[in-house]
Amino acid sequence: MFVGGALLIGLAILPAATVPQGKPRGASSPGLPPGRPFQILQNEINALQTQFNGLQNQVNGIQTEVNTLQTEVAALKAAASAPALVWINHTALLPGDKTVVSTSFNSTSSGVGGGLAGLVIQSSTTGDTDSFNGNKVVWRALEAPPRFLITGVRVCYELSSSGSFISQIRLAQVQNPPSNALVILDDATHLTNQGPVCVDSASTSVDPSLGSVLLDLRVNFGNTADKIVIRGVNFGNTADKIVIRGLGLHLQPAP
């Protein structure tokens, strides 16, 4: 019975020594704040969601700005690749043979049509050849902006008579070595409309980066009293006149 008593004593001591302590009611799991943990977690989740929504709104705003910039860039690219018309100094045209062709500029009146000023071209001889038996022309070198191709020429002019007119528009490019010039545009359309009018040449493609480009306007005079006035590319004549009032280049961005 002694053994049994010992066992009874052991059983009596065991509960007091080994029974684990229970978690107090209402206590939170380790790492959670006391009180109502799920409500607190939900509040933190809601706060994070609010921050996320704010960031999302910022991202949306940035995306809108990016889209706007992309639209502007596309518009700039389209503008940069669009054809252009550049006016050049038509009063800089020189007579190819000043013994028979003369140019003048009267800022008050050209003496042709309504009198608007322009480069007046006159000739002391009839026909379209000069004293060297070459083309009777006014001409100049062109200055084109970089990275553009010349695709045509626009001439604005007025004639004192349809019998004296521009008979040819020519573009030639100086080669390397500069021993000759290659004719690239040779438009022999007779511009006999007395005007005032602006006329475009035939289309062409000249890369001015490959060499100096020369413009010739060949003239044909039926009467030495006629004048040709160039007012954009403008010219006139001795009795007849050709007045050039504008000279422009059609340009296309180079690829």
Protein backbone atom coordinates (compact mmCIF):
# COMPACT_ATOMS: atom_id res chain seq x y z
CA MET A 1 0.00 0.00 0.00
CA PHE A 2 3.03 2.11 0.48
CA VAL A 3 3.63 2.05 -3.19
CA GLY A 4 0.04 2.90 -3.86
CA GLY A 5 0.23 5.77 -1.42
CA ALA A 6 3.27 7.00 -3.20
CA LEU A 7 1.46 6.88 -6.46
CA LEU A 8 -1.46 8.75 -4.98
CA ILE A 9 0.87 11.38 -3.71
CA GLY A 10 2.45 11.66 -7.14
CA LEU A 11 -0.90 12.09 -8.79
CA ALA A 12 -1.85 14.75 -6.34
CA ILE A 13 1.33 16.72 -7.05
CA LEU A 14 1.27 16.39 -10.84
CA PRO A 15 -1.72 18.69 -11.57
CA ALA A 16 -0.18 21.46 -9.54
CA ALA A 17 3.17 21.21 -11.28
CA THR A 18 2.40 20.48 -14.97
CA VAL A 19 -1.03 21.78 -15.96
CA PRO A 20 -0.39 24.62 -18.52
CA GLN A 21 -1.80 28.01 -17.85
CA GLY A 22 -4.74 28.86 -20.19
CA LYS A 23 -4.89 32.10 -22.29
CA PRO A 24 -6.85 34.72 -20.48
CA ARG A 25 -10.19 35.40 -22.05
CA GLY A 26 -10.13 38.28 -24.48
CA ALA A 27 -6.33 38.23 -24.85
CA SER A 28 -4.86 38.88 -28.32
CA SER A 29 -2.49 36.66 -30.26
CA PRO A 30 1.19 37.55 -30.07
CA GLY A 31 2.02 40.57 -32.32
CA LEU A 32 -1.51 42.01 -32.26
CA PRO A 33 -2.48 45.04 -30.18
CA PRO A 34 -4.83 44.45 -27.29
CA GLY A 35 -8.52 45.12 -27.63
CA ARG A 36 -10.44 44.27 -30.84
CA PRO A 37 -7.66 43.03 -33.14
CA PHE A 38 -9.75 42.36 -36.24
CA GLN A 39 -11.28 45.82 -36.18
CA ILE A 40 -7.82 47.35 -35.81
CA LEU A 41 -6.52 45.26 -38.71
CA GLN A 42 -9.48 46.33 -40.82
CA ASN A 43 -8.77 49.96 -40.03
CA GLU A 44 -5.15 49.50 -41.10
CA ILE A 45 -6.29 47.78 -44.31
CA ASN A 46 -8.69 50.66 -45.00
CA ALA A 47 -5.89 53.18 -44.45
CA LEU A 48 -3.63 51.28 -46.84
CA GLN A 49 -6.45 51.14 -49.39
CA THR A 50 -6.87 54.91 -49.11
CA GLN A 51 -3.13 55.39 -49.69
CA PHE A 52 -3.29 53.01 -52.66
CA ASN A 53 -6.23 54.92 -54.15
CA GLY A 54 -4.29 58.16 -53.75
CA LEU A 55 -1.26 56.67 -55.51
CA GLN A 56 -3.50 55.30 -58.23
CA ASN A 57 -4.95 58.78 -58.80
CA GLN A 58 -1.40 60.15 -59.07
CA VAL A 59 -0.51 57.43 -61.58
CA ASN A 60 -3.64 58.24 -63.58
CA GLY A 61 -2.68 61.92 -63.57
CA ILE A 62 0.85 61.11 -64.74
CA GLN A 63 -0.54 58.85 -67.46
CA THR A 64 -2.78 61.67 -68.65
CA GLU A 65 0.24 63.98 -68.84
CA VAL A 66 2.20 61.30 -70.73
CA ASN A 67 -0.66 60.89 -73.21
CA THR A 68 -0.79 64.65 -73.71
CA LEU A 69 2.96 64.80 -74.30
CA GLN A 70 2.78 61.89 -76.76
CA THR A 71 0.05 63.72 -78.68
CA GLU A 72 2.17 66.89 -78.78
CA VAL A 73 5.24 64.94 -79.91
CA ALA A 74 3.21 63.27 -82.67
CA ALA A 75 1.97 66.69 -83.80
CA LEU A 76 5.53 68.06 -83.83
CA LYS A 77 6.73 65.06 -85.84
CA ALA A 78 3.90 65.55 -88.32
CA ALA A 79 4.75 69.25 -88.65
CA ALA A 80 8.44 68.48 -89.06
CA SER A 81 7.74 65.98 -91.84
CA ALA A 82 5.22 68.18 -93.67
CA PRO A 83 6.14 69.89 -96.95
CA ALA A 84 7.02 73.59 -96.72
CA LEU A 85 7.18 76.59 -99.02
CA VAL A 86 10.15 78.87 -98.39
CA TRP A 87 10.40 82.26 -100.07
CA ILE A 88 13.83 83.33 -101.23
CA ASN A 89 15.23 86.72 -102.21
CA HIS A 90 14.10 87.23 -105.80
CA THR A 91 15.84 90.61 -106.00
CA ALA A 92 19.14 88.71 -105.89
CA LEU A 93 18.60 87.28 -109.39
CA LEU A 94 21.46 88.28 -111.70
CA PRO A 95 21.45 88.73 -115.49
CA GLY A 96 23.25 85.84 -117.17
CA ASP A 97 24.57 88.22 -119.84
CA LYS A 98 24.29 91.82 -118.73
CA THR A 99 25.19 93.07 -122.22
CA VAL A 100 21.67 92.06 -123.34
CA VAL A 101 19.72 91.45 -120.11
CA SER A 102 19.25 94.01 -117.37
CA THR A 103 17.54 93.90 -113.99
CA SER A 104 16.27 96.84 -111.97
CA PHE A 105 14.27 97.46 -108.84
CA ASN A 106 12.15 100.55 -108.30
CA SER A 107 10.53 100.45 -104.90
CA THR A 108 7.90 103.02 -105.96
CA SER A 109 6.58 101.31 -109.10
CA SER A 110 7.56 98.51 -111.45
CA GLY A 111 5.72 100.16 -114.33
CA VAL A 112 3.74 96.97 -114.97
CA GLY A 113 0.08 96.37 -114.17
CA GLY A 114 -0.89 98.12 -110.94
CA GLY A 115 2.76 99.05 -110.43
CA LEU A 116 3.57 96.85 -107.43
CA ALA A 117 7.34 96.78 -107.04
CA GLY A 118 9.36 93.76 -108.09
CA LEU A 119 12.50 92.75 -109.92
CA VAL A 120 12.09 94.13 -113.44
CA ILE A 121 13.81 92.21 -116.26
CA GLN A 122 14.37 93.80 -119.64
CA SER A 123 16.32 92.82 -122.74
CA SER A 124 18.00 94.85 -125.47
CA THR A 125 17.47 91.98 -127.93
CA THR A 126 14.55 89.78 -128.84
CA GLY A 127 14.47 86.00 -128.52
CA ASP A 128 15.79 83.69 -125.78
CA THR A 129 19.52 83.53 -126.56
CA ASP A 130 22.21 85.89 -125.28
CA SER A 131 25.26 87.39 -126.97
CA PHE A 132 27.24 84.19 -126.24
CA ASN A 133 24.58 82.13 -128.04
CA GLY A 134 23.59 80.67 -124.68
CA ASN A 135 20.30 80.79 -122.81
CA LYS A 136 19.05 84.27 -121.99
CA VAL A 137 18.53 83.96 -118.23
CA VAL A 138 18.45 85.55 -114.83
CA TRP A 139 19.95 83.25 -112.25
CA ARG A 140 21.18 82.82 -108.67
CA ALA A 141 22.47 80.22 -106.23
CA LEU A 142 19.93 78.94 -103.71
CA GLU A 143 20.16 78.65 -99.94
CA ALA A 144 17.96 75.83 -98.68
CA PRO A 145 17.53 74.89 -95.00
CA PRO A 146 19.37 71.72 -93.91
CA ARG A 147 17.71 68.28 -94.00
CA PHE A 148 15.20 69.36 -96.65
CA LEU A 149 14.85 68.33 -100.28
CA ILE A 150 13.90 70.86 -102.96
CA THR A 151 10.82 69.49 -104.70
CA GLY A 152 9.89 72.42 -106.94
CA VAL A 153 10.04 76.14 -107.65
CA ARG A 154 7.25 78.72 -107.39
CA VAL A 155 7.50 81.92 -109.45
CA CYS A 156 5.23 84.91 -108.90
CA TYR A 157 5.38 87.36 -111.79
CA GLU A 158 3.59 89.80 -114.08
CA LEU A 159 4.17 90.52 -117.79
CA SER A 160 3.70 93.78 -119.64
CA SER A 161 2.89 91.67 -122.71
CA SER A 162 2.28 87.98 -123.28
CA GLY A 163 4.82 88.18 -126.10
CA SER A 164 7.68 88.36 -123.56
CA PHE A 165 7.66 85.62 -120.96
CA ILE A 166 9.56 83.11 -118.83
CA SER A 167 10.26 80.16 -121.09
CA GLN A 168 12.09 77.78 -118.74
CA ILE A 169 12.69 77.06 -115.05
CA ARG A 170 15.88 75.11 -114.45
CA LEU A 171 17.68 73.74 -111.38
CA ALA A 172 21.25 72.48 -111.71
CA GLN A 173 23.51 71.10 -108.98
CA VAL A 174 27.26 71.65 -108.83
CA GLN A 175 29.13 68.34 -108.70
CA ASN A 176 32.20 67.25 -106.76
CA PRO A 177 34.78 68.13 -107.98
CA PRO A 178 33.08 71.42 -108.97
CA SER A 179 33.88 71.18 -112.67
CA ASN A 180 30.30 70.94 -113.93
CA ALA A 181 26.66 71.27 -112.86
CA LEU A 182 24.10 68.52 -113.42
CA VAL A 183 20.66 69.71 -114.61
CA ILE A 184 18.03 68.11 -112.37
CA LEU A 185 14.92 70.17 -113.17
CA ASP A 186 14.30 71.44 -116.70
CA ASP A 187 10.73 72.73 -116.99
CA ALA A 188 10.24 74.35 -120.40
CA THR A 189 6.63 75.41 -119.80
CA HIS A 190 6.07 78.86 -121.33
CA LEU A 191 4.62 81.18 -118.68
CA THR A 192 2.67 83.48 -121.01
CA ASN A 193 -0.15 84.38 -118.60
CA GLN A 194 0.25 88.14 -118.11
CA GLY A 195 -0.82 87.80 -114.48
CA PRO A 196 -0.12 88.83 -111.84
CA VAL A 197 0.08 85.12 -111.05
CA CYS A 198 2.09 82.53 -109.11
CA VAL A 199 3.06 79.34 -110.94
CA ASP A 200 4.66 76.13 -109.71
CA SER A 201 7.26 74.26 -111.72
CA ALA A 202 7.19 70.54 -112.41
CA SER A 203 8.07 68.35 -109.42
CA THR A 204 11.64 67.33 -108.76
CA SER A 205 13.88 66.13 -105.93
CA VAL A 206 17.15 67.88 -105.18
CA ASP A 207 19.24 67.27 -102.08
CA PRO A 208 21.03 70.60 -101.46
CA SER A 209 23.50 68.92 -99.09
CA LEU A 210 25.15 67.25 -102.11
CA GLY A 211 26.24 70.48 -103.78
CA SER A 212 25.33 74.09 -104.52
CA VAL A 213 22.00 74.43 -106.36
CA LEU A 214 21.66 76.99 -109.18
CA LEU A 215 18.34 78.41 -110.36
CA ASP A 216 17.94 79.71 -113.93
CA LEU A 217 14.87 81.50 -115.27
CA ARG A 218 15.16 81.63 -119.04
CA VAL A 219 13.35 84.53 -120.68
CA ASN A 220 12.11 85.06 -124.20
CA PHE A 221 11.43 88.60 -125.40
CA GLY A 222 9.19 89.35 -128.33
CA ASN A 223 9.70 93.09 -127.98
CA THR A 224 12.54 95.01 -126.37
CA ALA A 225 9.93 97.38 -124.92
CA ASP A 226 8.38 94.56 -122.85
CA LYS A 227 9.02 93.96 -119.15
CA ILE A 228 8.86 90.91 -116.91
CA VAL A 229 8.35 91.71 -113.22
CA ILE A 230 9.21 89.03 -110.67
CA ARG A 231 7.47 89.57 -107.34
CA GLY A 232 8.32 86.35 -105.63
CA VAL A 233 10.67 85.50 -108.40
CA ASN A 234 10.16 88.60 -110.50
CA PHE A 235 11.49 90.27 -113.68
CA GLY A 236 11.04 92.76 -116.65
CA ASN A 237 12.45 93.95 -120.09
CA THR A 238 13.54 97.00 -122.22
CA ALA A 239 10.31 97.95 -123.86
CA ASP A 240 8.44 94.93 -122.64
CA LYS A 241 8.91 94.03 -119.00
CA ILE A 242 8.73 90.87 -116.93
CA VAL A 243 8.24 91.65 -113.23
CA ILE A 244 9.12 88.96 -110.70
CA ARG A 245 7.38 89.51 -107.38
CA GLY A 246 8.09 86.25 -105.62
CA LEU A 247 10.41 83.28 -105.72
CA GLY A 248 9.79 80.24 -103.56
CA LEU A 249 11.10 76.73 -103.06
CA HIS A 250 8.94 73.73 -102.34
CA LEU A 251 10.70 71.66 -99.67
CA GLN A 252 10.20 68.16 -98.31
CA PRO A 253 12.04 66.88 -95.20
CA ALA A 254 14.79 64.45 -96.19
CA PRO A 255 14.28 60.86 -95.00
